[in-house]
Amino acid sequence: MQINIPSDVKRIIDRIEDAGYEAYAVGGCVRDALLLNKPHDWDITTSAPPLKVKELFDRTFDTGLQHGTVTVLMSGNNYEVTTYRIDGAYSDGRHPENVIFTRSLEEDLARRDFTINAMAYHPERGLVDLFGGREDLAAGIIRCVGDPKERFTEDALRMMRAVRFSARLGFEIEQGTADAVRELYSRLSMVSQERITDELVKLLISERPAKIKSAYELGLTSVFFPEFDEMMACTQKTVYHSYTVGEHTLKVLEGVPGEKYKRLAALLHDVGKLYTKTIKEGVEHFYGHAAVSAERSEQILKRFKLDNETIRRVKILAKYHDARFEVTEENVRRLIGKVGRDLMPALLELMDADLSGKSEYAIKTAVAHLQSLHEVYDIVSKRGDAVCIAELDITGDDLMAAGVPGGKAVGECLGKLLELVLKDPTLNKKDILLEKSILQKML
């Protein structure tokens, strides 16, 4: 099997081998190349010790010398070069206490997580596949190298990685591997939240975000996201829904673009339903769930150790995803002002996906309203109507120059002027806003 490897990768391999050592491209880059996908990164494994690798190349930096990894810089790209190694004991279930360098490629490949990630390639010697990785690629299977219980006991995060690769590649998790996850899922609690979140986000932004259901079925979400388990069990006995909150969420996930904050908003937009559910005459209601979803989203994403900007965006989208109002230009301007111009397109995407995941009755009764919202938003947006104080054609300095007292009075005056402009955007002209008749009403 011939793989086209970048010239820099071949140059690194050749230089190491000219020095009397072995070197191969390894892991995910080999897997992706065999799938005819462009690898994101090219990693190299070698029998050369890390200090020898540093000697052989002009530009390197120490990525993890204790684990045998040196990053080689070449042609503006970074290439991780790691010495063949055997991992020591994983007493904490997260990382080895020590590593032992070896000159055996087979021993190095044997320590890796899945067969599809345990293949190496040499431009002259070809593919090295000791554990059936190529066969599993062809069959669409995620299978551990060796005993899955041993692999997951070494590093519990590998259980999340199995689900993530399943989502990314559209593969099924092999039965023995899945059974091991079901038995050992609680060990995921030993892994740092940051590492779990990294895998979760990669899963969510994949082409198959609904594969988070596999994490639920295998028990993993019960460890780091118990709210999702509750969502999967939370019924919605109403004419507007045909699914549980969780099943509806899976459909919404598939309906929004694969950006981190958009998929997270889809994941959490209805989490508030867990706390607002009421039943009247056999019908289940979720009054005020959007506001509660916004607050709960913030709490969950902070627990996930996500950045403040992502949390801000998700919270806003969750809060307004179920906004209900008469679609007029004024009301749409007000909504844009609350949501922000930057997030309004994402809100419409979430609304579209949210509706598509409801019952046929809900779609029939609400599709015209949503279409109208799209149309009016396009009109208001293209026209550039002001939607916030910062977009008024007047500033606080202008008002003070016209005699408005400074401080709180300026802010109150700008707020009242915005109200006028939200009702009639043609008033957003400096001379009109400064007219004495308008200012007198403001003061």
Protein backbone atom coordinates (compact mmCIF):
# COMPACT_ATOMS: atom_id res chain seq x y z
CA MET A 1 0.00 0.00 0.00
CA GLN A 2 1.52 3.30 -1.13
CA ILE A 3 0.96 6.46 0.92
CA ASN A 4 2.02 9.88 -0.24
CA ILE A 5 3.85 11.48 2.65
CA PRO A 6 5.01 15.12 2.74
CA SER A 7 8.56 15.79 1.64
CA ASP A 8 9.44 17.14 5.10
CA VAL A 9 8.30 13.91 6.74
CA LYS A 10 10.43 11.88 4.35
CA ARG A 11 13.36 14.20 5.01
CA ILE A 12 13.02 13.67 8.77
CA ILE A 13 12.80 9.89 8.35
CA ASP A 14 15.80 9.82 6.01
CA ARG A 15 17.98 11.93 8.31
CA ILE A 16 17.22 9.72 11.32
CA GLU A 17 17.88 6.55 9.34
CA ASP A 18 21.10 7.94 7.88
CA ALA A 19 22.23 8.19 11.50
CA GLY A 20 21.65 4.46 11.99
CA TYR A 21 18.15 4.41 13.51
CA GLU A 22 14.64 3.46 12.37
CA ALA A 23 11.84 5.96 11.78
CA TYR A 24 8.24 5.69 10.60
CA ALA A 25 5.18 7.87 10.18
CA VAL A 26 2.75 6.60 12.77
CA GLY A 27 -0.74 6.78 14.20
CA GLY A 28 -3.52 9.05 13.06
CA CYS A 29 -1.73 10.33 9.97
CA VAL A 30 -1.37 6.79 8.64
CA ARG A 31 -5.00 6.04 9.46
CA ASP A 32 -6.26 9.16 7.69
CA ALA A 33 -4.02 8.61 4.67
CA LEU A 34 -5.38 5.09 4.27
CA LEU A 35 -8.90 6.53 4.42
CA LEU A 36 -7.84 8.99 1.70
CA ASN A 37 -8.36 11.87 4.11
CA LYS A 38 -5.76 14.61 4.46
CA PRO A 39 -3.97 14.15 7.80
CA HIS A 40 -4.00 17.17 10.11
CA ASP A 41 -0.62 16.29 11.58
CA TRP A 42 2.21 13.93 10.74
CA ASP A 43 3.80 12.18 13.71
CA ILE A 44 6.96 10.14 13.54
CA THR A 45 8.12 7.28 15.77
CA THR A 46 11.75 6.27 15.95
CA SER A 47 14.28 4.05 17.68
CA ALA A 48 16.51 7.10 18.13
CA PRO A 49 16.67 8.50 21.70
CA PRO A 50 15.19 11.99 22.10
CA LEU A 51 18.56 13.67 22.69
CA LYS A 52 19.86 12.12 19.48
CA VAL A 53 16.84 13.51 17.60
CA LYS A 54 17.71 16.96 18.97
CA GLU A 55 21.26 16.57 17.69
CA LEU A 56 20.11 15.66 14.18
CA PHE A 57 17.95 18.75 13.54
CA ASP A 58 18.72 22.43 13.70
CA ARG A 59 15.38 23.59 15.02
CA THR A 60 13.62 21.62 17.74
CA PHE A 61 11.86 22.20 21.03
CA ASP A 62 11.20 19.86 23.91
CA THR A 63 7.57 18.77 23.83
CA GLY A 64 7.97 16.05 26.44
CA LEU A 65 11.47 14.68 26.75
CA GLN A 66 10.48 12.49 29.70
CA HIS A 67 8.07 10.70 27.36
CA GLY A 68 10.49 10.72 24.45
CA THR A 69 8.88 13.46 22.36
CA VAL A 70 10.77 16.17 20.50
CA THR A 71 9.11 18.58 18.08
CA VAL A 72 11.06 19.21 14.90
CA LEU A 73 10.42 22.47 13.07
CA MET A 74 10.77 22.29 9.30
CA SER A 75 9.41 24.55 6.53
CA GLY A 76 7.20 26.36 9.01
CA ASN A 77 5.55 23.14 10.24
CA ASN A 78 5.86 21.18 13.48
CA TYR A 79 6.45 17.44 13.52
CA GLU A 80 6.40 15.41 16.72
CA VAL A 81 9.11 12.78 16.80
CA THR A 82 8.74 10.25 19.61
CA THR A 83 11.10 7.47 20.63
CA TYR A 84 9.76 3.92 20.65
CA ARG A 85 8.58 3.33 24.19
CA ILE A 86 6.87 1.00 26.60
CA ASP A 87 4.56 2.68 29.11
CA GLY A 88 5.06 1.98 32.79
CA ALA A 89 2.25 1.38 35.29
CA TYR A 90 -0.85 3.59 35.13
CA SER A 91 -1.54 3.74 38.87
CA ASP A 92 -3.76 6.83 38.54
CA GLY A 93 -5.66 5.61 35.48
CA ARG A 94 -4.57 8.68 33.52
CA HIS A 95 -0.91 8.52 32.54
CA PRO A 96 2.07 6.21 33.04
CA GLU A 97 4.33 6.73 36.01
CA ASN A 98 7.29 6.32 33.70
CA VAL A 99 8.19 5.20 30.19
CA ILE A 100 10.91 2.84 29.04
CA PHE A 101 12.54 3.53 25.70
CA THR A 102 12.87 0.51 23.44
CA ARG A 103 14.30 -0.26 20.02
CA SER A 104 11.23 -2.37 19.11
CA LEU A 105 8.58 -0.86 16.85
CA GLU A 106 6.25 -3.72 17.74
CA GLU A 107 6.44 -2.92 21.47
CA ASP A 108 5.71 0.73 20.72
CA LEU A 109 2.68 -0.04 18.57
CA ALA A 110 1.36 -2.53 21.12
CA ARG A 111 0.89 0.23 23.74
CA ARG A 112 -1.43 2.31 21.53
CA ASP A 113 -5.18 2.60 22.03
CA PHE A 114 -6.95 1.32 18.90
CA THR A 115 -5.88 -0.86 16.02
CA ILE A 116 -6.62 1.89 13.49
CA ASN A 117 -4.17 4.15 15.36
CA ALA A 118 -1.47 1.48 15.74
CA MET A 119 -0.13 1.40 12.19
CA ALA A 120 3.20 2.76 10.96
CA TYR A 121 4.41 3.59 7.47
CA HIS A 122 7.83 3.81 5.88
CA PRO A 123 8.26 5.25 2.38
CA GLU A 124 10.39 2.26 1.34
CA ARG A 125 9.36 -0.58 3.65
CA GLY A 126 5.66 0.23 3.40
CA LEU A 127 2.88 -0.33 5.91
CA VAL A 128 3.45 -1.98 9.29
CA ASP A 129 0.12 -3.29 10.58
CA LEU A 130 0.59 -5.80 13.38
CA PHE A 131 -2.88 -5.66 14.94
CA GLY A 132 -5.33 -5.65 12.04
CA GLY A 133 -5.81 -1.91 11.79
CA ARG A 134 -6.26 -1.87 8.03
CA GLU A 135 -8.84 -4.65 8.27
CA ASP A 136 -10.74 -2.73 10.94
CA LEU A 137 -10.61 0.42 8.79
CA ALA A 138 -12.20 -1.50 5.95
CA ALA A 139 -14.86 -2.94 8.29
CA GLY A 140 -15.54 0.41 9.97
CA ILE A 141 -14.68 -0.82 13.47
CA ILE A 142 -13.14 0.81 16.55
CA ARG A 143 -11.24 -1.97 18.35
CA CYS A 144 -8.68 -1.79 21.13
CA VAL A 145 -5.16 -3.08 20.65
CA GLY A 146 -5.01 -6.22 22.77
CA ASP A 147 -7.20 -6.47 25.88
CA PRO A 148 -9.66 -3.52 25.99
CA LYS A 149 -9.94 -3.70 29.79
CA GLU A 150 -6.18 -3.27 30.04
CA ARG A 151 -6.20 -0.35 27.60
CA PHE A 152 -9.02 1.43 29.47
CA THR A 153 -7.51 0.71 32.87
CA GLU A 154 -4.28 2.33 31.70
CA ASP A 155 -6.02 5.51 30.55
CA ALA A 156 -9.77 5.86 31.09
CA LEU A 157 -9.98 8.72 28.59
CA ARG A 158 -9.59 6.12 25.85
CA MET A 159 -13.26 5.24 26.43
CA MET A 160 -14.26 8.75 25.37
CA ARG A 161 -11.82 8.56 22.48
CA ALA A 162 -13.54 5.41 21.25
CA VAL A 163 -16.84 7.30 21.03
CA ARG A 164 -15.15 10.32 19.49
CA PHE A 165 -13.51 8.26 16.73
CA SER A 166 -16.82 6.52 16.16
CA ALA A 167 -18.41 9.94 15.61
CA ARG A 168 -15.62 11.31 13.46
CA LEU A 169 -15.27 8.27 11.20
CA GLY A 170 -18.80 6.86 11.32
CA PHE A 171 -17.46 3.57 12.70
CA GLU A 172 -19.06 1.17 15.16
CA ILE A 173 -17.36 0.28 18.42
CA GLU A 174 -16.44 -3.41 18.41
CA GLN A 175 -18.50 -5.49 20.85
CA GLY A 176 -15.65 -6.49 23.18
CA THR A 177 -14.43 -2.92 23.31
CA ALA A 178 -17.94 -1.62 24.03
CA ASP A 179 -18.46 -4.23 26.76
CA ALA A 180 -15.25 -3.11 28.44
CA VAL A 181 -16.49 0.49 28.45
CA ARG A 182 -19.78 -0.59 30.05
CA GLU A 183 -17.81 -2.33 32.78
CA LEU A 184 -15.21 0.36 33.39
CA TYR A 185 -17.05 3.63 32.58
CA SER A 186 -16.87 4.88 36.19
CA ARG A 187 -13.07 5.11 35.88
CA LEU A 188 -13.60 8.16 33.69
CA SER A 189 -14.00 10.11 36.96
CA MET A 190 -10.22 9.75 37.38
CA VAL A 191 -9.60 11.86 34.28
CA SER A 192 -9.31 15.64 34.42
CA GLN A 193 -12.31 17.62 33.26
CA GLU A 194 -10.18 19.46 30.71
CA ARG A 195 -9.26 16.22 28.92
CA ILE A 196 -12.86 14.99 28.95
CA THR A 197 -14.12 18.31 27.60
CA ASP A 198 -11.57 18.24 24.81
CA GLU A 199 -12.88 14.85 23.67
CA LEU A 200 -16.50 15.96 24.06
CA VAL A 201 -15.98 19.05 21.92
CA LYS A 202 -14.22 17.03 19.21
CA LEU A 203 -17.16 14.62 19.24
CA LEU A 204 -19.70 17.46 19.02
CA ILE A 205 -18.03 19.26 16.11
CA SER A 206 -17.73 16.03 14.11
CA GLU A 207 -20.08 15.15 11.29
CA ARG A 208 -22.01 12.88 13.68
CA PRO A 209 -22.59 14.83 16.91
CA ALA A 210 -25.59 12.64 17.76
CA LYS A 211 -23.05 9.92 18.55
CA ILE A 212 -23.02 11.40 22.03
CA LYS A 213 -25.89 8.95 22.46
CA SER A 214 -23.26 6.19 22.40
CA ALA A 215 -21.51 7.85 25.33
CA TYR A 216 -24.87 7.79 27.12
CA GLU A 217 -25.60 4.16 26.27
CA LEU A 218 -22.13 3.11 27.45
CA GLY A 219 -22.54 4.94 30.77
CA LEU A 220 -19.95 7.64 30.16
CA THR A 221 -22.22 10.68 30.33
CA SER A 222 -23.38 9.62 33.78
CA VAL A 223 -19.86 10.47 34.97
CA PHE A 224 -19.33 13.93 33.49
CA PHE A 225 -22.73 15.05 32.17
CA PRO A 226 -25.52 13.46 34.25
CA GLU A 227 -27.95 16.10 33.01
CA PHE A 228 -27.84 14.44 29.60
CA ASP A 229 -28.97 11.15 31.09
CA GLU A 230 -31.90 12.98 32.66
CA MET A 231 -32.69 14.64 29.33
CA MET A 232 -32.79 11.27 27.60
CA ALA A 233 -35.40 10.13 30.12
CA CYS A 234 -37.41 13.38 30.23
CA THR A 235 -40.66 12.92 28.30
CA GLN A 236 -42.48 15.71 26.47
CA LYS A 237 -46.15 14.76 26.37
CA THR A 238 -47.40 17.55 24.18
CA VAL A 239 -48.60 17.92 20.60
CA TYR A 240 -45.44 19.90 19.84
CA HIS A 241 -43.04 17.02 20.50
CA SER A 242 -42.54 13.42 19.45
CA TYR A 243 -39.35 12.70 21.41
CA THR A 244 -37.84 12.92 24.86
CA VAL A 245 -35.82 16.06 25.57
CA GLY A 246 -32.65 14.09 24.90
CA GLU A 247 -33.77 12.54 21.62
CA HIS A 248 -34.96 15.96 20.46
CA THR A 249 -31.56 17.37 21.41
CA LEU A 250 -29.80 14.79 19.25
CA LYS A 251 -31.81 15.92 16.24
CA VAL A 252 -31.08 19.58 16.94
CA LEU A 253 -27.35 18.78 17.22
CA GLU A 254 -27.42 17.36 13.71
CA GLY A 255 -29.22 20.44 12.40
CA VAL A 256 -26.71 23.14 13.33
CA PRO A 257 -23.28 23.81 11.77
CA GLY A 258 -20.26 22.13 13.35
CA GLU A 259 -18.84 25.06 15.29
CA LYS A 260 -18.08 24.55 18.96
CA TYR A 261 -20.40 27.15 20.45
CA LYS A 262 -23.25 26.30 18.08
CA ARG A 263 -23.13 22.59 18.87
CA LEU A 264 -22.84 23.30 22.60
CA ALA A 265 -25.86 25.61 22.38
CA ALA A 266 -27.79 22.86 20.60
CA LEU A 267 -26.72 20.39 23.29
CA LEU A 268 -27.88 22.62 26.14
CA HIS A 269 -30.72 24.70 24.70
CA ASP A 270 -33.39 22.60 26.43
CA VAL A 271 -31.56 21.53 29.59
CA GLY A 272 -33.84 23.91 31.51
CA LYS A 273 -36.77 21.62 30.80
CA LEU A 274 -35.47 19.31 33.51
CA TYR A 275 -36.28 22.00 36.08
CA THR A 276 -39.46 23.58 34.67
CA LYS A 277 -41.61 20.58 33.82
CA THR A 278 -45.23 20.70 34.99
CA ILE A 279 -48.20 18.51 34.12
CA LYS A 280 -51.75 19.73 33.66
CA GLU A 281 -54.53 17.43 32.51
CA GLY A 282 -51.99 14.94 31.19
CA VAL A 283 -50.11 17.53 29.11
CA GLU A 284 -46.52 18.37 30.03
CA HIS A 285 -45.44 22.02 30.00
CA PHE A 286 -42.05 23.70 30.31
CA TYR A 287 -42.87 27.34 30.99
CA GLY A 288 -39.79 29.57 31.17
CA HIS A 289 -37.43 26.78 30.24
CA ALA A 290 -35.31 28.94 27.92
CA ALA A 291 -34.22 31.32 30.69
CA VAL A 292 -33.46 28.39 32.97
CA SER A 293 -31.55 26.69 30.14
CA ALA A 294 -29.37 29.78 29.85
CA GLU A 295 -28.50 29.74 33.54
CA ARG A 296 -27.94 25.98 33.68
CA SER A 297 -25.82 26.15 30.52
CA GLU A 298 -23.52 28.61 32.22
CA GLN A 299 -23.15 26.35 35.24
CA ILE A 300 -22.49 23.24 33.14
CA LEU A 301 -19.99 24.91 30.82
CA LYS A 302 -18.09 26.36 33.77
CA ARG A 303 -17.94 22.83 35.16
CA PHE A 304 -16.62 21.74 31.76
CA LYS A 305 -13.87 24.39 32.13
CA LEU A 306 -14.82 26.13 28.90
CA ASP A 307 -13.77 29.67 28.06
CA ASN A 308 -15.87 32.70 28.95
CA GLU A 309 -16.61 33.70 25.35
CA THR A 310 -18.04 30.29 24.51
CA ILE A 311 -20.13 30.39 27.68
CA ARG A 312 -21.43 33.86 26.79
CA ARG A 313 -22.49 32.78 23.33
CA VAL A 314 -24.15 29.55 24.45
CA LYS A 315 -26.01 31.33 27.23
CA ILE A 316 -27.44 33.92 24.85
CA LEU A 317 -28.50 31.35 22.26
CA ALA A 318 -30.14 29.19 24.90
CA LYS A 319 -31.97 32.16 26.39
CA TYR A 320 -33.52 33.34 23.11
CA HIS A 321 -33.92 30.09 21.14
CA ASP A 322 -37.62 29.96 22.02
CA ALA A 323 -38.33 33.70 21.67
CA ARG A 324 -41.98 34.22 20.81
CA PHE A 325 -43.35 37.52 19.57
CA GLU A 326 -45.25 39.13 16.75
CA VAL A 327 -42.85 39.39 13.83
CA THR A 328 -42.58 43.09 13.08
CA GLU A 329 -39.52 45.07 12.07
CA GLU A 330 -39.47 46.79 15.45
CA ASN A 331 -39.61 43.53 17.38
CA VAL A 332 -36.91 41.99 15.23
CA ARG A 333 -34.69 45.02 15.82
CA ARG A 334 -35.21 44.57 19.54
CA LEU A 335 -34.29 40.89 19.32
CA ILE A 336 -31.11 41.66 17.38
CA GLY A 337 -30.20 44.23 20.02
CA LYS A 338 -30.59 41.69 22.80
CA VAL A 339 -28.84 38.84 21.01
CA GLY A 340 -26.17 40.84 19.18
CA ARG A 341 -25.53 41.08 15.46
CA ASP A 342 -22.73 38.54 15.71
CA LEU A 343 -24.98 35.84 17.17
CA MET A 344 -28.24 36.50 15.35
CA PRO A 345 -27.45 34.20 12.37
CA ALA A 346 -26.53 31.41 14.79
CA LEU A 347 -29.78 31.96 16.70
CA LEU A 348 -31.79 31.54 13.49
CA GLU A 349 -29.87 28.35 12.72
CA LEU A 350 -30.67 27.03 16.18
CA MET A 351 -34.33 27.98 15.81
CA ASP A 352 -34.50 26.18 12.47
CA ALA A 353 -32.92 23.05 13.91
CA ASP A 354 -35.10 23.23 17.01
CA LEU A 355 -38.26 23.28 14.92
CA SER A 356 -37.12 20.46 12.65
CA GLY A 357 -36.71 18.26 15.72
CA LYS A 358 -40.30 18.70 16.88
CA SER A 359 -43.55 16.99 15.89
CA GLU A 360 -45.18 17.36 12.49
CA TYR A 361 -47.92 19.42 14.14
CA ALA A 362 -45.38 21.86 15.57
CA ILE A 363 -43.64 22.21 12.22
CA LYS A 364 -46.90 22.90 10.40
CA THR A 365 -48.02 25.51 12.90
CA ALA A 366 -44.70 27.31 13.37
CA VAL A 367 -42.89 27.14 10.05
CA ALA A 368 -44.62 30.23 8.63
CA HIS A 369 -43.72 32.26 11.73
CA LEU A 370 -40.08 31.23 11.50
CA GLN A 371 -39.95 31.95 7.79
CA SER A 372 -41.36 35.41 8.45
CA LEU A 373 -38.69 35.98 11.08
CA HIS A 374 -35.98 35.09 8.55
CA GLU A 375 -37.44 37.47 5.96
CA VAL A 376 -37.83 40.42 8.31
CA TYR A 377 -34.38 39.84 9.75
CA ASP A 378 -32.90 39.98 6.24
CA ILE A 379 -34.68 43.29 5.57
CA VAL A 380 -33.64 44.89 8.84
CA SER A 381 -30.10 43.56 8.62
CA LYS A 382 -29.45 44.60 5.03
CA ARG A 383 -30.85 48.04 5.70
CA GLY A 384 -28.52 48.45 8.66
CA ASP A 385 -31.15 49.62 11.14
CA ALA A 386 -29.68 50.64 14.48
CA VAL A 387 -30.39 48.12 17.22
CA CYS A 388 -28.30 49.38 20.13
CA ILE A 389 -26.97 52.63 21.62
CA ALA A 390 -23.56 52.13 20.01
CA GLU A 391 -25.22 52.27 16.56
CA LEU A 392 -27.01 55.59 17.16
CA ASP A 393 -25.85 58.47 14.98
CA ILE A 394 -25.16 60.46 18.13
CA THR A 395 -22.83 60.13 21.10
CA GLY A 396 -22.83 61.14 24.72
CA ASP A 397 -20.38 63.91 23.87
CA ASP A 398 -22.85 65.28 21.30
CA LEU A 399 -25.59 65.34 23.92
CA MET A 400 -23.45 67.07 26.52
CA ALA A 401 -22.41 69.65 23.93
CA ALA A 402 -26.13 70.28 23.37
CA GLY A 403 -26.68 70.86 27.07
CA VAL A 404 -27.53 67.47 28.49
CA PRO A 405 -25.94 67.07 31.95
CA GLY A 406 -23.19 64.49 32.14
CA GLY A 407 -23.28 61.19 33.98
CA LYS A 408 -26.49 59.23 34.40
CA ALA A 409 -28.57 61.73 32.44
CA VAL A 410 -26.59 61.05 29.25
CA GLY A 411 -27.18 57.31 29.51
CA GLU A 412 -30.89 57.79 30.15
CA CYS A 413 -31.16 60.17 27.21
CA LEU A 414 -29.37 57.75 24.86
CA GLY A 415 -31.70 54.97 26.01
CA LYS A 416 -34.76 57.03 25.21
CA LEU A 417 -33.34 58.00 21.83
CA LEU A 418 -32.74 54.32 21.07
CA GLU A 419 -36.39 53.62 21.86
CA LEU A 420 -37.40 56.17 19.23
CA VAL A 421 -35.02 54.70 16.67
CA LEU A 422 -36.14 51.13 17.36
CA LYS A 423 -39.67 52.22 16.54
CA ASP A 424 -38.63 54.30 13.52
CA PRO A 425 -35.10 53.74 12.16
CA THR A 426 -35.36 56.76 9.84
CA LEU A 427 -34.91 58.95 12.93
CA ASN A 428 -31.33 57.77 13.34
CA LYS A 429 -29.77 60.97 12.02
CA LYS A 430 -27.70 63.24 14.19
CA ASP A 431 -29.57 66.42 13.34
CA ILE A 432 -32.95 64.83 14.03
CA LEU A 433 -31.82 63.35 17.33
CA LEU A 434 -30.48 66.74 18.39
CA GLU A 435 -33.63 68.63 17.61
CA LYS A 436 -34.79 70.58 20.61
CA SER A 437 -38.27 69.12 20.46
CA ILE A 438 -36.91 65.59 20.86
CA LEU A 439 -34.32 66.51 23.47
CA GLN A 440 -36.92 68.28 25.58
CA LYS A 441 -38.91 65.07 25.73
CA MET A 442 -35.81 63.22 26.82
CA LEU A 443 -34.90 65.56 29.67
